[in-house]
Every structure is written in structure tokens, then in C-alpha cells.
């Protein structure tokens, strides 16, 4: 992803929240409706983006797989607070590779309720 490619390696931090913060700032700057670290009854959703007709539930992982990120969303039912809104719900797993200092995978899945 070009966003991360332009960041000098000397200021990068090998932590998930570093990458999450960059995503947050970039999306916020384009006017997206974002909620970060949304607490639920059994965990915290890393990022929620809502549009008029869609709700994106995003889980970030570092040095892992996008499939594990989506599985966490499903296992912890992070989507439950948004089902009653009547919007399409998309589950997204985004992973970061600390050696490549960039995103390594993005997977998504439409929730079928």
C-alpha cells in the first residue's frame, strides 16, 4: 500500500496500534464516519466505518493472517450491535507485516444474517 511505503523506516513502530492509527487518520481526513476501539460485551472492535447503506467492521492483525482477523470478528460477534441498522455488513481483516513495514493481506466477507 502506497500510504505505508512513503513512511521512513526510522519512525515506524512494530505495533498494531501504529498501523491502526495511520488508517484512522487517513480515513478521518477524507471525512469517513469512524469509530475506533469500539467496546462490546466481549471485546473491542478495532475500526467501524459506516456509510448510508453499509457498515464495515474491521479487525487489524500484525504478523498474522486476514482470515484470523475475520474469524475474531465472527467469534466475538462484533457485528451484533449493527445488525438492527438494516445496513449491509462487511467484515474486513487487514494484516500488517513488520518486516515489510506494510499491509500484507486484506480479506473481506459479507455478513449473511
PDB file of N, CA and C in Angstrom:
ATOM      1  N   UNK A   1       0.843  -1.173   0.000  1.00  0.00           N
ATOM      2  CA  UNK A   1       0.000   0.000   0.000  1.00  0.00           C
ATOM      3  C   UNK A   1       0.892   1.241   0.000  1.00  0.00           C
ATOM      4  N   UNK A   2       0.616   2.161  -0.874  1.00  0.00           N
ATOM      5  CA  UNK A   2       1.430   3.362  -1.022  1.00  0.00           C
ATOM      6  C   UNK A   2       1.487   4.207   0.241  1.00  0.00           C
ATOM      7  N   UNK A   3       0.424   4.212   1.001  1.00  0.00           N
ATOM      8  CA  UNK A   3       0.382   5.013   2.218  1.00  0.00           C
ATOM      9  C   UNK A   3       1.549   4.670   3.142  1.00  0.00           C
ATOM     10  N   UNK A   4       1.781   3.389   3.359  1.00  0.00           N
ATOM     11  CA  UNK A   4       2.843   2.962   4.267  1.00  0.00           C
ATOM     12  C   UNK A   4       4.217   3.008   3.611  1.00  0.00           C
ATOM     13  N   UNK A   5       4.255   2.841   2.297  1.00  0.00           N
ATOM     14  CA  UNK A   5       5.530   2.844   1.580  1.00  0.00           C
ATOM     15  C   UNK A   5       6.253   4.182   1.683  1.00  0.00           C
ATOM     16  N   UNK A   6       5.521   5.255   1.888  1.00  0.00           N
ATOM     17  CA  UNK A   6       6.129   6.573   1.954  1.00  0.00           C
ATOM     18  C   UNK A   6       6.592   6.994   3.341  1.00  0.00           C
ATOM     19  N   UNK A   7       6.382   6.134   4.332  1.00  0.00           N
ATOM     20  CA  UNK A   7       6.776   6.471   5.700  1.00  0.00           C
ATOM     21  C   UNK A   7       8.199   5.972   5.947  1.00  0.00           C
ATOM     22  N   UNK A   8       9.121   6.853   6.347  1.00  0.00           N
ATOM     23  CA  UNK A   8      10.507   6.428   6.588  1.00  0.00           C
ATOM     24  C   UNK A   8      10.587   5.338   7.666  1.00  0.00           C
ATOM     25  N   UNK A   9      11.412   4.349   7.443  1.00  0.00           N
ATOM     26  CA  UNK A   9      11.544   3.235   8.384  1.00  0.00           C
ATOM     27  C   UNK A   9      12.011   3.703   9.763  1.00  0.00           C
ATOM     28  N   UNK A  10      12.676   4.835   9.834  1.00  0.00           N
ATOM     29  CA  UNK A  10      13.227   5.324  11.096  1.00  0.00           C
ATOM     30  C   UNK A  10      12.157   5.788  12.082  1.00  0.00           C
ATOM     31  N   UNK A  11      10.940   6.023  11.607  1.00  0.00           N
ATOM     32  CA  UNK A  11       9.880   6.454  12.530  1.00  0.00           C
ATOM     33  C   UNK A  11       8.768   5.421  12.670  1.00  0.00           C
ATOM     34  N   UNK A  12       8.945   4.249  12.099  1.00  0.00           N
ATOM     35  CA  UNK A  12       7.918   3.215  12.190  1.00  0.00           C
ATOM     36  C   UNK A  12       8.050   2.444  13.498  1.00  0.00           C
ATOM     37  N   UNK A  13       6.929   1.998  13.987  1.00  0.00           N
ATOM     38  CA  UNK A  13       6.854   1.239  15.236  1.00  0.00           C
ATOM     39  C   UNK A  13       6.224  -0.112  14.931  1.00  0.00           C
ATOM     40  N   UNK A  14       6.786  -1.175  15.425  1.00  0.00           N
ATOM     41  CA  UNK A  14       6.284  -2.525  15.137  1.00  0.00           C
ATOM     42  C   UNK A  14       5.166  -2.921  16.098  1.00  0.00           C
ATOM     43  N   UNK A  15       4.089  -2.139  16.068  1.00  0.00           N
ATOM     44  CA  UNK A  15       2.923  -2.420  16.897  1.00  0.00           C
ATOM     45  C   UNK A  15       1.664  -2.223  16.069  1.00  0.00           C
ATOM     46  N   UNK A  16       0.665  -3.042  16.367  1.00  0.00           N
ATOM     47  CA  UNK A  16      -0.599  -2.967  15.626  1.00  0.00           C
ATOM     48  C   UNK A  16      -1.212  -1.578  15.700  1.00  0.00           C
ATOM     49  N   UNK A  17      -1.182  -0.952  16.859  1.00  0.00           N
ATOM     50  CA  UNK A  17      -1.820   0.356  17.021  1.00  0.00           C
ATOM     51  C   UNK A  17      -1.175   1.438  16.151  1.00  0.00           C
ATOM     52  N   UNK A  18       0.099   1.284  15.819  1.00  0.00           N
ATOM     53  CA  UNK A  18       0.768   2.216  14.906  1.00  0.00           C
ATOM     54  C   UNK A  18       0.071   2.201  13.544  1.00  0.00           C
ATOM     55  N   UNK A  19      -0.101   1.005  12.990  1.00  0.00           N
ATOM     56  CA  UNK A  19      -0.756   0.861  11.688  1.00  0.00           C
ATOM     57  C   UNK A  19      -2.225   1.282  11.761  1.00  0.00           C
ATOM     58  N   UNK A  20      -2.880   0.919  12.847  1.00  0.00           N
ATOM     59  CA  UNK A  20      -4.279   1.268  13.043  1.00  0.00           C
ATOM     60  C   UNK A  20      -4.456   2.790  13.076  1.00  0.00           C
ATOM     61  N   UNK A  21      -3.559   3.473  13.731  1.00  0.00           N
ATOM     62  CA  UNK A  21      -3.635   4.929  13.821  1.00  0.00           C
ATOM     63  C   UNK A  21      -3.493   5.580  12.451  1.00  0.00           C
ATOM     64  N   UNK A  22      -2.595   5.065  11.641  1.00  0.00           N
ATOM     65  CA  UNK A  22      -2.419   5.625  10.300  1.00  0.00           C
ATOM     66  C   UNK A  22      -3.692   5.436   9.476  1.00  0.00           C
ATOM     67  N   UNK A  23      -4.303   4.254   9.559  1.00  0.00           N
ATOM     68  CA  UNK A  23      -5.574   4.026   8.871  1.00  0.00           C
ATOM     69  C   UNK A  23      -6.626   5.014   9.366  1.00  0.00           C
ATOM     70  N   UNK A  24      -6.709   5.174  10.665  1.00  0.00           N
ATOM     71  CA  UNK A  24      -7.689   6.075  11.254  1.00  0.00           C
ATOM     72  C   UNK A  24      -7.512   7.501  10.718  1.00  0.00           C
ATOM     73  N   UNK A  25      -6.299   8.012  10.770  1.00  0.00           N
ATOM     74  CA  UNK A  25      -6.043   9.382  10.328  1.00  0.00           C
ATOM     75  C   UNK A  25      -6.365   9.552   8.841  1.00  0.00           C
ATOM     76  N   UNK A  26      -5.941   8.601   8.018  1.00  0.00           N
ATOM     77  CA  UNK A  26      -6.196   8.696   6.578  1.00  0.00           C
ATOM     78  C   UNK A  26      -7.695   8.701   6.286  1.00  0.00           C
ATOM     79  N   UNK A  27      -8.439   7.824   6.936  1.00  0.00           N
ATOM     80  CA  UNK A  27      -9.890   7.761   6.699  1.00  0.00           C
ATOM     81  C   UNK A  27     -10.604   8.976   7.267  1.00  0.00           C
ATOM     82  N   UNK A  28     -10.160   9.439   8.409  1.00  0.00           N
ATOM     83  CA  UNK A  28     -10.771  10.619   9.024  1.00  0.00           C
ATOM     84  C   UNK A  28     -10.564  11.855   8.145  1.00  0.00           C
ATOM     85  N   UNK A  29      -9.395  11.941   7.516  1.00  0.00           N
ATOM     86  CA  UNK A  29      -9.093  13.094   6.669  1.00  0.00           C
ATOM     87  C   UNK A  29      -9.973  13.156   5.414  1.00  0.00           C
ATOM     88  N   UNK A  30     -10.498  12.003   4.991  1.00  0.00           N
ATOM     89  CA  UNK A  30     -11.394  12.023   3.828  1.00  0.00           C
ATOM     90  C   UNK A  30     -12.859  12.093   4.244  1.00  0.00           C
ATOM     91  N   UNK A  31     -13.101  12.274   5.538  1.00  0.00           N
ATOM     92  CA  UNK A  31     -14.452  12.501   6.023  1.00  0.00           C
ATOM     93  C   UNK A  31     -15.253  11.260   6.366  1.00  0.00           C
ATOM     94  N   UNK A  32     -14.605  10.119   6.491  1.00  0.00           N
ATOM     95  CA  UNK A  32     -15.326   8.887   6.830  1.00  0.00           C
ATOM     96  C   UNK A  32     -15.854   8.947   8.268  1.00  0.00           C
ATOM     97  N   UNK A  33     -17.028   8.345   8.480  1.00  0.00           N
ATOM     98  CA  UNK A  33     -17.577   8.213   9.834  1.00  0.00           C
ATOM     99  C   UNK A  33     -16.931   6.995  10.473  1.00  0.00           C
ATOM    100  N   UNK A  34     -16.071   7.238  11.436  1.00  0.00           N
ATOM    101  CA  UNK A  34     -15.248   6.163  12.009  1.00  0.00           C
ATOM    102  C   UNK A  34     -15.431   6.084  13.516  1.00  0.00           C
ATOM    103  N   UNK A  35     -15.446   4.845  13.997  1.00  0.00           N
ATOM    104  CA  UNK A  35     -15.375   4.584  15.433  1.00  0.00           C
ATOM    105  C   UNK A  35     -14.186   3.651  15.619  1.00  0.00           C
ATOM    106  N   UNK A  36     -13.269   3.996  16.512  1.00  0.00           N
ATOM    107  CA  UNK A  36     -12.131   3.121  16.787  1.00  0.00           C
ATOM    108  C   UNK A  36     -12.237   2.555  18.196  1.00  0.00           C
ATOM    109  N   UNK A  37     -11.730   1.338  18.345  1.00  0.00           N
ATOM    110  CA  UNK A  37     -11.716   0.660  19.647  1.00  0.00           C
ATOM    111  C   UNK A  37     -13.100   0.676  20.296  1.00  0.00           C
ATOM    112  N   UNK A  38     -14.109   0.319  19.508  1.00  0.00           N
ATOM    113  CA  UNK A  38     -15.498   0.279  19.981  1.00  0.00           C
ATOM    114  C   UNK A  38     -15.681  -0.906  20.931  1.00  0.00           C
ATOM    115  N   UNK A  39     -15.935  -0.638  22.214  1.00  0.00           N
ATOM    116  CA  UNK A  39     -16.101  -1.760  23.150  1.00  0.00           C
ATOM    117  C   UNK A  39     -17.426  -2.496  22.932  1.00  0.00           C
ATOM    118  N   UNK A  40     -17.379  -3.811  23.098  1.00  0.00           N
ATOM    119  CA  UNK A  40     -18.582  -4.640  23.059  1.00  0.00           C
ATOM    120  C   UNK A  40     -18.638  -5.411  24.372  1.00  0.00           C
ATOM    121  N   UNK A  41     -19.572  -6.308  24.484  1.00  0.00           N
ATOM    122  CA  UNK A  41     -19.695  -7.088  25.711  1.00  0.00           C
ATOM    123  C   UNK A  41     -18.562  -8.105  25.886  1.00  0.00           C
ATOM    124  N   UNK A  42     -17.836  -8.442  24.790  1.00  0.00           N
ATOM    125  CA  UNK A  42     -16.754  -9.436  24.933  1.00  0.00           C
ATOM    126  C   UNK A  42     -15.456  -9.034  24.240  1.00  0.00           C
ATOM    127  N   UNK A  43     -15.308  -7.776  23.900  1.00  0.00           N
ATOM    128  CA  UNK A  43     -14.064  -7.359  23.261  1.00  0.00           C
ATOM    129  C   UNK A  43     -14.154  -5.944  22.732  1.00  0.00           C
ATOM    130  N   UNK A  44     -13.212  -5.604  21.852  1.00  0.00           N
ATOM    131  CA  UNK A  44     -13.180  -4.277  21.240  1.00  0.00           C
ATOM    132  C   UNK A  44     -13.015  -4.416  19.735  1.00  0.00           C
ATOM    133  N   UNK A  45     -13.851  -3.700  19.004  1.00  0.00           N
ATOM    134  CA  UNK A  45     -13.748  -3.681  17.547  1.00  0.00           C
ATOM    135  C   UNK A  45     -12.668  -2.664  17.192  1.00  0.00           C
ATOM    136  N   UNK A  46     -11.719  -3.058  16.360  1.00  0.00           N
ATOM    137  CA  UNK A  46     -10.642  -2.146  16.000  1.00  0.00           C
ATOM    138  C   UNK A  46     -11.144  -0.912  15.264  1.00  0.00           C
ATOM    139  N   UNK A  47     -12.025  -1.107  14.289  1.00  0.00           N
ATOM    140  CA  UNK A  47     -12.477   0.034  13.485  1.00  0.00           C
ATOM    141  C   UNK A  47     -13.843  -0.267  12.883  1.00  0.00           C
ATOM    142  N   UNK A  48     -14.736   0.707  12.950  1.00  0.00           N
ATOM    143  CA  UNK A  48     -16.052   0.615  12.319  1.00  0.00           C
ATOM    144  C   UNK A  48     -16.210   1.833  11.425  1.00  0.00           C
ATOM    145  N   UNK A  49     -16.580   1.590  10.188  1.00  0.00           N
ATOM    146  CA  UNK A  49     -16.874   2.670   9.247  1.00  0.00           C
ATOM    147  C   UNK A  49     -18.308   2.488   8.786  1.00  0.00           C
ATOM    148  N   UNK A  50     -19.089   3.564   8.861  1.00  0.00           N
ATOM    149  CA  UNK A  50     -20.469   3.490   8.392  1.00  0.00           C
ATOM    150  C   UNK A  50     -20.694   4.454   7.236  1.00  0.00           C
ATOM    151  N   UNK A  51     -21.405   3.949   6.244  1.00  0.00           N
ATOM    152  CA  UNK A  51     -21.888   4.783   5.156  1.00  0.00           C
ATOM    153  C   UNK A  51     -23.407   4.747   5.220  1.00  0.00           C
ATOM    154  N   UNK A  52     -24.042   5.353   4.275  1.00  0.00           N
ATOM    155  CA  UNK A  52     -25.502   5.391   4.273  1.00  0.00           C
ATOM    156  C   UNK A  52     -26.122   3.993   4.292  1.00  0.00           C
ATOM    157  N   UNK A  53     -25.542   3.062   3.549  1.00  0.00           N
ATOM    158  CA  UNK A  53     -26.148   1.735   3.440  1.00  0.00           C
ATOM    159  C   UNK A  53     -25.247   0.571   3.828  1.00  0.00           C
ATOM    160  N   UNK A  54     -24.027   0.854   4.290  1.00  0.00           N
ATOM    161  CA  UNK A  54     -23.096  -0.227   4.618  1.00  0.00           C
ATOM    162  C   UNK A  54     -22.351   0.070   5.914  1.00  0.00           C
ATOM    163  N   UNK A  55     -22.089  -1.000   6.657  1.00  0.00           N
ATOM    164  CA  UNK A  55     -21.293  -0.912   7.881  1.00  0.00           C
ATOM    165  C   UNK A  55     -20.098  -1.854   7.708  1.00  0.00           C
ATOM    166  N   UNK A  56     -18.905  -1.313   7.835  1.00  0.00           N
ATOM    167  CA  UNK A  56     -17.681  -2.087   7.702  1.00  0.00           C
ATOM    168  C   UNK A  56     -17.102  -2.326   9.087  1.00  0.00           C
ATOM    169  N   UNK A  57     -16.960  -3.596   9.454  1.00  0.00           N
ATOM    170  CA  UNK A  57     -16.367  -3.977  10.731  1.00  0.00           C
ATOM    171  C   UNK A  57     -14.952  -4.466  10.411  1.00  0.00           C
ATOM    172  N   UNK A  58     -13.939  -3.774  10.942  1.00  0.00           N
ATOM    173  CA  UNK A  58     -12.557  -4.061  10.559  1.00  0.00           C
ATOM    174  C   UNK A  58     -11.742  -4.503  11.765  1.00  0.00           C
ATOM    175  N   UNK A  59     -11.006  -5.587  11.565  1.00  0.00           N
ATOM    176  CA  UNK A  59     -10.081  -6.088  12.578  1.00  0.00           C
ATOM    177  C   UNK A  59      -8.687  -6.082  11.978  1.00  0.00           C
ATOM    178  N   UNK A  60      -7.740  -5.517  12.710  1.00  0.00           N
ATOM    179  CA  UNK A  60      -6.346  -5.479  12.280  1.00  0.00           C
ATOM    180  C   UNK A  60      -5.556  -6.564  13.011  1.00  0.00           C
ATOM    181  N   UNK A  61      -4.586  -7.127  12.319  1.00  0.00           N
ATOM    182  CA  UNK A  61      -3.652  -8.092  12.924  1.00  0.00           C
ATOM    183  C   UNK A  61      -2.253  -7.750  12.447  1.00  0.00           C
ATOM    184  N   UNK A  62      -1.287  -8.047  13.278  1.00  0.00           N
ATOM    185  CA  UNK A  62       0.104  -7.819  12.916  1.00  0.00           C
ATOM    186  C   UNK A  62       0.803  -9.175  12.832  1.00  0.00           C
ATOM    187  N   UNK A  63       1.532  -9.401  11.737  1.00  0.00           N
ATOM    188  CA  UNK A  63       2.248 -10.661  11.507  1.00  0.00           C
ATOM    189  C   UNK A  63       1.336 -11.871  11.700  1.00  0.00           C
ATOM    190  N   UNK A  64       0.171 -11.801  11.122  1.00  0.00           N
ATOM    191  CA  UNK A  64      -0.825 -12.861  11.235  1.00  0.00           C
ATOM    192  C   UNK A  64      -1.517 -13.005   9.886  1.00  0.00           C
ATOM    193  N   UNK A  65      -2.759 -13.496   9.917  1.00  0.00           N
ATOM    194  CA  UNK A  65      -3.498 -13.667   8.666  1.00  0.00           C
ATOM    195  C   UNK A  65      -4.814 -12.895   8.706  1.00  0.00           C
ATOM    196  N   UNK A  66      -5.266 -12.506   7.542  1.00  0.00           N
ATOM    197  CA  UNK A  66      -6.547 -11.810   7.430  1.00  0.00           C
ATOM    198  C   UNK A  66      -7.693 -12.738   7.824  1.00  0.00           C
ATOM    199  N   UNK A  67      -7.525 -14.021   7.565  1.00  0.00           N
ATOM    200  CA  UNK A  67      -8.559 -14.997   7.939  1.00  0.00           C
ATOM    201  C   UNK A  67      -8.751 -15.023   9.453  1.00  0.00           C
ATOM    202  N   UNK A  68      -7.648 -14.941  10.213  1.00  0.00           N
ATOM    203  CA  UNK A  68      -7.758 -14.907  11.680  1.00  0.00           C
ATOM    204  C   UNK A  68      -8.471 -13.647  12.148  1.00  0.00           C
ATOM    205  N   UNK A  69      -8.237 -12.556  11.459  1.00  0.00           N
ATOM    206  CA  UNK A  69      -8.903 -11.296  11.818  1.00  0.00           C
ATOM    207  C   UNK A  69     -10.412 -11.420  11.608  1.00  0.00           C
ATOM    208  N   UNK A  70     -10.817 -11.953  10.477  1.00  0.00           N
ATOM    209  CA  UNK A  70     -12.248 -12.130  10.204  1.00  0.00           C
ATOM    210  C   UNK A  70     -12.857 -13.138  11.174  1.00  0.00           C
ATOM    211  N   UNK A  71     -12.133 -14.186  11.478  1.00  0.00           N
ATOM    212  CA  UNK A  71     -12.624 -15.187  12.440  1.00  0.00           C
ATOM    213  C   UNK A  71     -12.867 -14.546  13.807  1.00  0.00           C
ATOM    214  N   UNK A  72     -11.996 -13.637  14.224  1.00  0.00           N
ATOM    215  CA  UNK A  72     -12.197 -12.941  15.501  1.00  0.00           C
ATOM    216  C   UNK A  72     -13.480 -12.121  15.469  1.00  0.00           C
ATOM    217  N   UNK A  73     -13.738 -11.435  14.369  1.00  0.00           N
ATOM    218  CA  UNK A  73     -14.979 -10.657  14.242  1.00  0.00           C
ATOM    219  C   UNK A  73     -16.185 -11.581  14.383  1.00  0.00           C
ATOM    220  N   UNK A  74     -16.112 -12.741  13.721  1.00  0.00           N
ATOM    221  CA  UNK A  74     -17.227 -13.692  13.773  1.00  0.00           C
ATOM    222  C   UNK A  74     -17.361 -14.327  15.153  1.00  0.00           C
ATOM    223  N   UNK A  75     -16.250 -14.783  15.715  1.00  0.00           N
ATOM    224  CA  UNK A  75     -16.291 -15.453  17.018  1.00  0.00           C
ATOM    225  C   UNK A  75     -16.797 -14.542  18.134  1.00  0.00           C
ATOM    226  N   UNK A  76     -16.382 -13.278  18.096  1.00  0.00           N
ATOM    227  CA  UNK A  76     -16.788 -12.333  19.136  1.00  0.00           C
ATOM    228  C   UNK A  76     -18.048 -11.552  18.757  1.00  0.00           C
ATOM    229  N   UNK A  77     -18.595 -11.883  17.584  1.00  0.00           N
ATOM    230  CA  UNK A  77     -19.851 -11.280  17.123  1.00  0.00           C
ATOM    231  C   UNK A  77     -19.810  -9.745  17.190  1.00  0.00           C
ATOM    232  N   UNK A  78     -18.704  -9.180  16.720  1.00  0.00           N
ATOM    233  CA  UNK A  78     -18.549  -7.731  16.719  1.00  0.00           C
ATOM    234  C   UNK A  78     -19.615  -7.031  15.881  1.00  0.00           C
ATOM    235  N   UNK A  79     -20.234  -7.738  14.986  1.00  0.00           N
ATOM    236  CA  UNK A  79     -21.243  -7.168  14.088  1.00  0.00           C
ATOM    237  C   UNK A  79     -22.595  -6.991  14.767  1.00  0.00           C
ATOM    238  N   UNK A  80     -22.848  -7.677  15.877  1.00  0.00           N
ATOM    239  CA  UNK A  80     -24.177  -7.684  16.502  1.00  0.00           C
ATOM    240  C   UNK A  80     -24.776  -6.304  16.765  1.00  0.00           C
ATOM    241  N   UNK A  81     -24.013  -5.339  17.277  1.00  0.00           N
ATOM    242  CA  UNK A  81     -24.640  -4.030  17.537  1.00  0.00           C
ATOM    243  C   UNK A  81     -25.131  -3.314  16.274  1.00  0.00           C
ATOM    244  N   UNK A  82     -24.706  -3.778  15.111  1.00  0.00           N
ATOM    245  CA  UNK A  82     -25.020  -3.078  13.867  1.00  0.00           C
ATOM    246  C   UNK A  82     -26.066  -3.791  13.008  1.00  0.00           C
ATOM    247  N   UNK A  83     -26.442  -4.997  13.385  1.00  0.00           N
ATOM    248  CA  UNK A  83     -27.405  -5.775  12.598  1.00  0.00           C
ATOM    249  C   UNK A  83     -28.753  -5.069  12.507  1.00  0.00           C
ATOM    250  N   UNK A  84     -29.194  -4.470  13.593  1.00  0.00           N
ATOM    251  CA  UNK A  84     -30.522  -3.835  13.614  1.00  0.00           C
ATOM    252  C   UNK A  84     -30.601  -2.561  12.779  1.00  0.00           C
ATOM    253  N   UNK A  85     -29.475  -2.069  12.271  1.00  0.00           N
ATOM    254  CA  UNK A  85     -29.492  -0.845  11.456  1.00  0.00           C
ATOM    255  C   UNK A  85     -30.046  -1.076  10.057  1.00  0.00           C
ATOM    256  N   UNK A  86     -30.136  -2.339   9.647  1.00  0.00           N
ATOM    257  CA  UNK A  86     -30.659  -2.651   8.328  1.00  0.00           C
ATOM    258  C   UNK A  86     -29.685  -2.368   7.197  1.00  0.00           C
ATOM    259  N   UNK A  87     -28.423  -2.238   7.528  1.00  0.00           N
ATOM    260  CA  UNK A  87     -27.401  -1.981   6.507  1.00  0.00           C
ATOM    261  C   UNK A  87     -26.687  -3.277   6.143  1.00  0.00           C
ATOM    262  N   UNK A  88     -26.077  -3.280   4.957  1.00  0.00           N
ATOM    263  CA  UNK A  88     -25.199  -4.393   4.598  1.00  0.00           C
ATOM    264  C   UNK A  88     -23.993  -4.329   5.539  1.00  0.00           C
ATOM    265  N   UNK A  89     -23.554  -5.489   6.032  1.00  0.00           N
ATOM    266  CA  UNK A  89     -22.402  -5.532   6.931  1.00  0.00           C
ATOM    267  C   UNK A  89     -21.274  -6.294   6.254  1.00  0.00           C
ATOM    268  N   UNK A  90     -20.130  -5.638   6.167  1.00  0.00           N
ATOM    269  CA  UNK A  90     -18.936  -6.234   5.565  1.00  0.00           C
ATOM    270  C   UNK A  90     -17.890  -6.407   6.654  1.00  0.00           C
ATOM    271  N   UNK A  91     -17.393  -7.634   6.800  1.00  0.00           N
ATOM    272  CA  UNK A  91     -16.323  -7.934   7.752  1.00  0.00           C
ATOM    273  C   UNK A  91     -15.003  -7.858   7.004  1.00  0.00           C
ATOM    274  N   UNK A  92     -14.046  -7.123   7.543  1.00  0.00           N
ATOM    275  CA  UNK A  92     -12.762  -6.939   6.869  1.00  0.00           C
ATOM    276  C   UNK A  92     -11.623  -7.274   7.815  1.00  0.00           C
ATOM    277  N   UNK A  93     -10.704  -8.099   7.334  1.00  0.00           N
ATOM    278  CA  UNK A  93      -9.481  -8.412   8.063  1.00  0.00           C
ATOM    279  C   UNK A  93      -8.302  -7.801   7.319  1.00  0.00           C
ATOM    280  N   UNK A  94      -7.509  -7.013   8.022  1.00  0.00           N
ATOM    281  CA  UNK A  94      -6.328  -6.388   7.423  1.00  0.00           C
ATOM    282  C   UNK A  94      -5.120  -6.769   8.264  1.00  0.00           C
ATOM    283  N   UNK A  95      -4.093  -7.276   7.591  1.00  0.00           N
ATOM    284  CA  UNK A  95      -2.888  -7.659   8.320  1.00  0.00           C
ATOM    285  C   UNK A  95      -1.700  -6.824   7.875  1.00  0.00           C
ATOM    286  N   UNK A  96      -0.778  -6.663   8.812  1.00  0.00           N
ATOM    287  CA  UNK A  96       0.437  -5.894   8.581  1.00  0.00           C
ATOM    288  C   UNK A  96       1.643  -6.786   8.827  1.00  0.00           C
ATOM    289  N   UNK A  97       2.661  -6.600   8.029  1.00  0.00           N
ATOM    290  CA  UNK A  97       3.908  -7.343   8.141  1.00  0.00           C
ATOM    291  C   UNK A  97       4.981  -6.373   8.628  1.00  0.00           C
ATOM    292  N   UNK A  98       5.535  -6.630   9.819  1.00  0.00           N
ATOM    293  CA  UNK A  98       6.506  -5.698  10.380  1.00  0.00           C
ATOM    294  C   UNK A  98       7.846  -5.732   9.649  1.00  0.00           C
ATOM    295  N   UNK A  99       8.158  -6.822   8.973  1.00  0.00           N
ATOM    296  CA  UNK A  99       9.399  -6.864   8.186  1.00  0.00           C
ATOM    297  C   UNK A  99       9.255  -6.044   6.907  1.00  0.00           C
ATOM    298  N   UNK A 100       8.120  -6.190   6.224  1.00  0.00           N
ATOM    299  CA  UNK A 100       7.866  -5.424   5.006  1.00  0.00           C
ATOM    300  C   UNK A 100       7.436  -3.992   5.330  1.00  0.00           C
ATOM    301  N   UNK A 101       7.029  -3.780   6.592  1.00  0.00           N
ATOM    302  CA  UNK A 101       6.556  -2.474   7.046  1.00  0.00           C
ATOM    303  C   UNK A 101       5.398  -1.971   6.176  1.00  0.00           C
ATOM    304  N   UNK A 102       4.442  -2.886   5.940  1.00  0.00           N
ATOM    305  CA  UNK A 102       3.325  -2.564   5.060  1.00  0.00           C
ATOM    306  C   UNK A 102       2.188  -3.544   5.322  1.00  0.00           C
ATOM    307  N   UNK A 103       1.063  -3.315   4.659  1.00  0.00           N
ATOM    308  CA  UNK A 103      -0.020  -4.286   4.729  1.00  0.00           C
ATOM    309  C   UNK A 103       0.425  -5.566   4.027  1.00  0.00           C
ATOM    310  N   UNK A 104      -0.020  -6.703   4.532  1.00  0.00           N
ATOM    311  CA  UNK A 104       0.346  -7.970   3.898  1.00  0.00           C
ATOM    312  C   UNK A 104      -0.855  -8.695   3.312  1.00  0.00           C
ATOM    313  N   UNK A 105      -2.049  -8.407   3.836  1.00  0.00           N
ATOM    314  CA  UNK A 105      -3.243  -9.059   3.295  1.00  0.00           C
ATOM    315  C   UNK A 105      -4.489  -8.279   3.703  1.00  0.00           C
ATOM    316  N   UNK A 106      -5.467  -8.321   2.816  1.00  0.00           N
ATOM    317  CA  UNK A 106      -6.782  -7.753   3.097  1.00  0.00           C
ATOM    318  C   UNK A 106      -7.805  -8.758   2.581  1.00  0.00           C
ATOM    319  N   UNK A 107      -8.687  -9.183   3.453  1.00  0.00           N
ATOM    320  CA  UNK A 107      -9.764 -10.102   3.078  1.00  0.00           C
ATOM    321  C   UNK A 107     -11.077  -9.495   3.559  1.00  0.00           C
ATOM    322  N   UNK A 108     -12.145  -9.787   2.856  1.00  0.00           N
ATOM    323  CA  UNK A 108     -13.438  -9.316   3.316  1.00  0.00           C
ATOM    324  C   UNK A 108     -14.498 -10.374   3.097  1.00  0.00           C
ATOM    325  N   UNK A 109     -15.581 -10.212   3.818  1.00  0.00           N
ATOM    326  CA  UNK A 109     -16.669 -11.171   3.767  1.00  0.00           C
ATOM    327  C   UNK A 109     -17.971 -10.424   4.088  1.00  0.00           C
ATOM    328  N   UNK A 110     -18.980 -10.642   3.277  1.00  0.00           N
ATOM    329  CA  UNK A 110     -20.275 -10.030   3.547  1.00  0.00           C
ATOM    330  C   UNK A 110     -21.010 -10.900   4.562  1.00  0.00           C
ATOM    331  N   UNK A 111     -21.508 -10.257   5.611  1.00  0.00           N
ATOM    332  CA  UNK A 111     -22.244 -10.983   6.641  1.00  0.00           C
ATOM    333  C   UNK A 111     -23.600 -11.367   6.096  1.00  0.00           C
ATOM    334  N   UNK A 112     -23.938 -12.625   6.218  1.00  0.00           N
ATOM    335  CA  UNK A 112     -25.262 -13.112   5.840  1.00  0.00           C
ATOM    336  C   UNK A 112     -25.973 -13.448   7.132  1.00  0.00           C
ATOM    337  N   UNK A 113     -26.900 -12.583   7.520  1.00  0.00           N
ATOM    338  CA  UNK A 113     -27.581 -12.755   8.817  1.00  0.00           C
ATOM    339  C   UNK A 113     -28.815 -13.616   8.685  1.00  0.00           C
TER     340      UNK A 113
END
